[in-house]
């Protein structure tokens, strides 16, 4: 009976580790889809939490776009905020990306 209990315990541990690895991979792929592989930001020496804007029409962007392996360059607008639902408050990061109409849409 003890051997069966040990076997069941090992099976449960293996399932838990597999599910955990699956969640980890899903989160990583979701984050990669939203942030991309490379972010280009202006250098700032300040400690502010809000990012500094940079022009979307930099001449160097065309040089980067011409590099082998670069699929796309997408401008984004990022802003931290707070969402409140009743008594529950959450910190959020809102990201705007260009929509099909060419405007900036919240994703």
N, C-alpha and C. Protein backbone atom coordinates (compact mmCIF):
# COMPACT_ATOMS: atom_id res chain seq x y z
N UNK A 1 0.82 -1.19 0.00
CA UNK A 1 0.00 0.00 0.00
C UNK A 1 0.87 1.27 0.00
N UNK A 2 1.98 1.21 0.73
CA UNK A 2 2.88 2.37 0.78
C UNK A 2 3.50 2.63 -0.58
N UNK A 3 3.80 1.56 -1.32
CA UNK A 3 4.40 1.73 -2.65
C UNK A 3 3.42 2.42 -3.59
N UNK A 4 2.15 2.10 -3.49
CA UNK A 4 1.13 2.73 -4.34
C UNK A 4 1.02 4.21 -3.98
N UNK A 5 1.03 4.52 -2.69
CA UNK A 5 0.95 5.92 -2.26
C UNK A 5 2.15 6.71 -2.75
N UNK A 6 3.34 6.12 -2.71
CA UNK A 6 4.54 6.80 -3.19
C UNK A 6 4.46 7.00 -4.70
N UNK A 7 3.98 5.99 -5.43
CA UNK A 7 3.85 6.11 -6.89
C UNK A 7 2.86 7.21 -7.26
N UNK A 8 1.73 7.26 -6.56
CA UNK A 8 0.74 8.31 -6.82
C UNK A 8 1.32 9.68 -6.50
N UNK A 9 2.06 9.79 -5.43
CA UNK A 9 2.68 11.07 -5.05
C UNK A 9 3.65 11.54 -6.12
N UNK A 10 4.50 10.62 -6.62
CA UNK A 10 5.43 10.99 -7.69
C UNK A 10 4.68 11.43 -8.95
N UNK A 11 3.61 10.71 -9.28
CA UNK A 11 2.82 11.07 -10.45
C UNK A 11 2.24 12.48 -10.30
N UNK A 12 1.71 12.80 -9.13
CA UNK A 12 1.14 14.14 -8.89
C UNK A 12 2.23 15.20 -8.99
N UNK A 13 3.41 14.92 -8.47
CA UNK A 13 4.51 15.89 -8.56
C UNK A 13 4.91 16.11 -10.01
N UNK A 14 4.99 15.03 -10.79
CA UNK A 14 5.36 15.16 -12.21
C UNK A 14 4.32 15.98 -12.96
N UNK A 15 3.04 15.74 -12.70
CA UNK A 15 1.97 16.51 -13.36
C UNK A 15 2.06 17.98 -12.96
N UNK A 16 2.29 18.26 -11.68
CA UNK A 16 2.39 19.64 -11.21
C UNK A 16 3.55 20.37 -11.87
N UNK A 17 4.69 19.71 -12.00
CA UNK A 17 5.85 20.33 -12.64
C UNK A 17 5.57 20.58 -14.12
N UNK A 18 4.91 19.63 -14.79
CA UNK A 18 4.60 19.80 -16.21
C UNK A 18 3.62 20.96 -16.43
N UNK A 19 2.61 21.06 -15.58
CA UNK A 19 1.64 22.16 -15.70
C UNK A 19 2.33 23.49 -15.43
N UNK A 20 3.20 23.53 -14.43
CA UNK A 20 3.93 24.75 -14.11
C UNK A 20 4.81 25.18 -15.28
N UNK A 21 5.49 24.23 -15.91
CA UNK A 21 6.34 24.56 -17.07
C UNK A 21 5.49 25.06 -18.23
N UNK A 22 4.32 24.49 -18.42
CA UNK A 22 3.42 24.95 -19.48
C UNK A 22 2.96 26.38 -19.24
N UNK A 23 2.58 26.70 -18.00
CA UNK A 23 2.18 28.07 -17.68
C UNK A 23 3.34 29.04 -17.90
N UNK A 24 4.54 28.63 -17.49
CA UNK A 24 5.71 29.49 -17.64
C UNK A 24 5.96 29.78 -19.13
N UNK A 25 5.87 28.76 -19.97
CA UNK A 25 6.08 28.96 -21.41
C UNK A 25 4.99 29.84 -22.01
N UNK A 26 3.75 29.67 -21.58
CA UNK A 26 2.65 30.49 -22.09
C UNK A 26 2.85 31.95 -21.70
N UNK A 27 3.28 32.20 -20.49
CA UNK A 27 3.52 33.58 -20.04
C UNK A 27 4.67 34.19 -20.82
N UNK A 28 5.75 33.43 -21.00
CA UNK A 28 6.90 33.96 -21.76
C UNK A 28 6.52 34.30 -23.19
N UNK A 29 5.76 33.42 -23.85
CA UNK A 29 5.39 33.70 -25.24
C UNK A 29 4.43 34.87 -25.32
N UNK A 30 3.54 35.01 -24.33
CA UNK A 30 2.63 36.16 -24.31
C UNK A 30 3.37 37.47 -24.11
N UNK A 31 4.33 37.47 -23.21
CA UNK A 31 5.13 38.67 -22.97
C UNK A 31 5.96 39.00 -24.20
N UNK A 32 6.56 37.99 -24.82
CA UNK A 32 7.37 38.23 -26.02
C UNK A 32 6.51 38.79 -27.15
N UNK A 33 5.27 38.34 -27.25
CA UNK A 33 4.39 38.84 -28.31
C UNK A 33 4.06 40.32 -28.08
N UNK A 34 3.99 40.75 -26.83
CA UNK A 34 3.65 42.14 -26.54
C UNK A 34 4.87 43.07 -26.54
N UNK A 35 6.02 42.54 -26.19
CA UNK A 35 7.19 43.42 -26.07
C UNK A 35 8.15 43.30 -27.23
N UNK A 36 8.11 42.21 -27.96
CA UNK A 36 9.08 42.02 -29.04
C UNK A 36 10.41 41.55 -28.49
N UNK A 37 11.35 41.33 -29.37
CA UNK A 37 12.66 40.83 -28.97
C UNK A 37 13.61 41.95 -28.56
N UNK A 38 13.46 43.13 -29.14
CA UNK A 38 14.36 44.25 -28.86
C UNK A 38 13.53 45.51 -28.65
N UNK A 39 13.88 46.28 -27.64
CA UNK A 39 13.25 47.58 -27.41
C UNK A 39 14.31 48.66 -27.55
N UNK A 40 13.99 49.70 -28.31
CA UNK A 40 14.90 50.83 -28.47
C UNK A 40 14.29 52.01 -27.73
N UNK A 41 15.01 52.51 -26.73
CA UNK A 41 14.52 53.62 -25.92
C UNK A 41 15.62 54.66 -25.79
N UNK A 42 15.24 55.92 -25.59
CA UNK A 42 16.27 56.94 -25.37
C UNK A 42 16.92 56.76 -24.00
N UNK A 43 18.19 57.13 -23.91
CA UNK A 43 18.89 57.06 -22.63
C UNK A 43 18.40 58.18 -21.73
N UNK A 44 18.10 57.84 -20.48
CA UNK A 44 17.74 58.86 -19.49
C UNK A 44 18.54 58.59 -18.23
N UNK A 45 19.01 59.65 -17.61
CA UNK A 45 19.75 59.50 -16.36
C UNK A 45 18.84 59.73 -15.16
N UNK A 46 17.59 60.09 -15.42
CA UNK A 46 16.66 60.34 -14.33
C UNK A 46 16.11 59.05 -13.75
N UNK A 47 15.38 59.20 -12.66
CA UNK A 47 14.80 58.03 -12.00
C UNK A 47 13.29 58.01 -12.13
N UNK A 48 12.74 58.80 -13.03
CA UNK A 48 11.29 58.83 -13.20
C UNK A 48 10.76 57.51 -13.71
N UNK A 49 9.51 57.21 -13.36
CA UNK A 49 8.92 55.94 -13.78
C UNK A 49 8.30 56.03 -15.16
N UNK A 50 8.01 57.23 -15.63
CA UNK A 50 7.41 57.37 -16.95
C UNK A 50 8.49 57.42 -18.01
N UNK A 51 8.33 56.64 -19.09
CA UNK A 51 9.35 56.64 -20.14
C UNK A 51 9.39 57.97 -20.88
N UNK A 52 10.56 58.29 -21.40
CA UNK A 52 10.75 59.50 -22.19
C UNK A 52 10.39 59.17 -23.63
N UNK A 53 9.65 60.07 -24.27
CA UNK A 53 9.25 59.80 -25.65
C UNK A 53 10.42 60.03 -26.60
N UNK A 54 10.32 59.39 -27.75
CA UNK A 54 11.32 59.58 -28.78
C UNK A 54 10.61 59.62 -30.12
N UNK A 55 11.14 60.38 -31.07
CA UNK A 55 10.45 60.51 -32.36
C UNK A 55 10.35 59.16 -33.08
N UNK A 56 9.21 58.95 -33.74
CA UNK A 56 8.99 57.69 -34.46
C UNK A 56 9.60 57.70 -35.85
N UNK A 57 10.14 58.85 -36.27
CA UNK A 57 10.68 58.95 -37.64
C UNK A 57 12.20 59.16 -37.64
N UNK A 58 12.90 58.49 -36.74
CA UNK A 58 14.35 58.61 -36.69
C UNK A 58 14.98 58.02 -37.96
N UNK A 59 15.98 58.69 -38.53
CA UNK A 59 16.65 58.13 -39.72
C UNK A 59 17.29 56.77 -39.45
N UNK A 60 17.74 56.54 -38.23
CA UNK A 60 18.40 55.27 -37.92
C UNK A 60 17.43 54.09 -37.94
N UNK A 61 16.13 54.36 -37.85
CA UNK A 61 15.16 53.27 -37.90
C UNK A 61 15.18 52.57 -39.26
N UNK A 62 15.41 53.33 -40.32
CA UNK A 62 15.50 52.71 -41.65
C UNK A 62 16.73 51.82 -41.75
N UNK A 63 17.83 52.23 -41.11
CA UNK A 63 19.03 51.39 -41.09
C UNK A 63 18.75 50.10 -40.32
N UNK A 64 18.05 50.22 -39.21
CA UNK A 64 17.72 49.04 -38.42
C UNK A 64 16.77 48.13 -39.20
N UNK A 65 15.79 48.72 -39.86
CA UNK A 65 14.82 47.95 -40.65
C UNK A 65 15.51 47.17 -41.76
N UNK A 66 16.63 47.69 -42.29
CA UNK A 66 17.35 47.04 -43.38
C UNK A 66 18.25 45.90 -42.90
N UNK A 67 18.44 45.76 -41.59
CA UNK A 67 19.30 44.69 -41.07
C UNK A 67 18.67 43.32 -41.33
N UNK A 68 19.50 42.32 -41.60
CA UNK A 68 18.96 40.97 -41.80
C UNK A 68 18.29 40.46 -40.52
N UNK A 69 17.15 39.84 -40.68
CA UNK A 69 16.44 39.28 -39.54
C UNK A 69 15.41 40.20 -38.92
N UNK A 70 15.45 41.49 -39.24
CA UNK A 70 14.46 42.42 -38.70
C UNK A 70 13.17 42.25 -39.49
N UNK A 71 12.11 41.89 -38.80
CA UNK A 71 10.83 41.64 -39.45
C UNK A 71 9.99 42.90 -39.47
N UNK A 72 9.95 43.63 -38.36
CA UNK A 72 9.10 44.81 -38.28
C UNK A 72 9.58 45.72 -37.17
N UNK A 73 9.25 46.99 -37.29
CA UNK A 73 9.47 47.97 -36.24
C UNK A 73 8.13 48.62 -35.97
N UNK A 74 7.70 48.59 -34.72
CA UNK A 74 6.39 49.13 -34.36
C UNK A 74 6.55 50.15 -33.24
N UNK A 75 6.07 51.37 -33.44
CA UNK A 75 6.11 52.35 -32.34
C UNK A 75 5.06 52.00 -31.30
N UNK A 76 5.36 52.30 -30.05
CA UNK A 76 4.41 52.06 -28.96
C UNK A 76 4.38 53.26 -28.03
N UNK A 77 3.26 53.42 -27.38
CA UNK A 77 3.12 54.41 -26.31
C UNK A 77 2.81 53.63 -25.04
N UNK A 78 3.60 53.83 -23.98
CA UNK A 78 3.45 53.08 -22.74
C UNK A 78 3.22 54.07 -21.61
N UNK A 79 2.26 53.74 -20.74
CA UNK A 79 1.98 54.61 -19.60
C UNK A 79 1.51 53.76 -18.42
N UNK A 80 2.04 54.02 -17.25
CA UNK A 80 1.61 53.32 -16.04
C UNK A 80 0.33 53.95 -15.53
N UNK A 81 -0.49 53.16 -14.88
CA UNK A 81 -1.74 53.68 -14.35
C UNK A 81 -2.26 52.81 -13.22
N UNK A 82 -3.44 53.17 -12.74
CA UNK A 82 -4.10 52.44 -11.66
C UNK A 82 -5.52 52.14 -12.10
N UNK A 83 -5.95 50.90 -11.87
CA UNK A 83 -7.32 50.49 -12.17
C UNK A 83 -7.98 50.11 -10.85
N UNK A 84 -9.18 50.64 -10.62
CA UNK A 84 -9.89 50.36 -9.38
C UNK A 84 -11.22 49.72 -9.72
N UNK A 85 -11.53 48.61 -9.04
CA UNK A 85 -12.80 47.92 -9.18
C UNK A 85 -13.34 47.69 -7.78
N UNK A 86 -14.25 48.54 -7.36
CA UNK A 86 -14.73 48.46 -5.99
C UNK A 86 -13.62 48.83 -5.02
N UNK A 87 -13.29 47.91 -4.13
CA UNK A 87 -12.21 48.14 -3.17
C UNK A 87 -10.87 47.60 -3.65
N UNK A 88 -10.86 46.96 -4.81
CA UNK A 88 -9.64 46.35 -5.33
C UNK A 88 -8.93 47.33 -6.26
N UNK A 89 -7.64 47.56 -5.98
CA UNK A 89 -6.84 48.47 -6.79
C UNK A 89 -5.65 47.70 -7.35
N UNK A 90 -5.41 47.86 -8.66
CA UNK A 90 -4.29 47.20 -9.32
C UNK A 90 -3.47 48.22 -10.08
N UNK A 91 -2.16 48.06 -10.05
CA UNK A 91 -1.29 48.84 -10.93
C UNK A 91 -1.28 48.19 -12.30
N UNK A 92 -1.34 49.00 -13.34
CA UNK A 92 -1.36 48.48 -14.71
C UNK A 92 -0.38 49.25 -15.57
N UNK A 93 -0.01 48.65 -16.67
CA UNK A 93 0.77 49.32 -17.70
C UNK A 93 -0.07 49.27 -18.97
N UNK A 94 -0.41 50.43 -19.50
CA UNK A 94 -1.22 50.52 -20.71
C UNK A 94 -0.28 50.75 -21.89
N UNK A 95 -0.44 49.94 -22.92
CA UNK A 95 0.42 50.05 -24.10
C UNK A 95 -0.46 50.34 -25.30
N UNK A 96 -0.10 51.39 -26.03
CA UNK A 96 -0.81 51.73 -27.27
C UNK A 96 0.05 51.36 -28.46
N UNK A 97 -0.56 50.67 -29.42
CA UNK A 97 0.14 50.30 -30.65
C UNK A 97 -0.70 50.75 -31.83
N UNK A 98 -0.09 51.00 -32.97
CA UNK A 98 -0.87 51.44 -34.13
C UNK A 98 -1.90 50.39 -34.53
N UNK A 99 -3.12 50.84 -34.78
CA UNK A 99 -4.18 49.95 -35.24
C UNK A 99 -4.21 49.89 -36.76
N UNK A 100 -5.21 49.22 -37.30
CA UNK A 100 -5.35 49.10 -38.75
C UNK A 100 -5.59 50.44 -39.42
N UNK A 101 -6.19 51.37 -38.69
CA UNK A 101 -6.48 52.68 -39.26
C UNK A 101 -5.29 53.62 -39.21
N UNK A 102 -4.19 53.18 -38.62
CA UNK A 102 -2.99 54.01 -38.56
C UNK A 102 -2.93 54.85 -37.31
N UNK A 103 -4.00 54.89 -36.51
CA UNK A 103 -3.98 55.63 -35.26
C UNK A 103 -3.35 54.80 -34.17
N UNK A 104 -3.28 55.33 -32.98
CA UNK A 104 -2.72 54.61 -31.85
C UNK A 104 -3.86 54.00 -31.06
N UNK A 105 -3.87 52.68 -30.89
CA UNK A 105 -4.93 51.97 -30.19
C UNK A 105 -4.36 51.31 -28.94
N UNK A 106 -5.20 51.12 -27.94
CA UNK A 106 -4.77 50.45 -26.71
C UNK A 106 -4.91 48.96 -26.91
N UNK A 107 -3.85 48.24 -26.53
CA UNK A 107 -3.86 46.78 -26.67
C UNK A 107 -3.91 46.15 -25.30
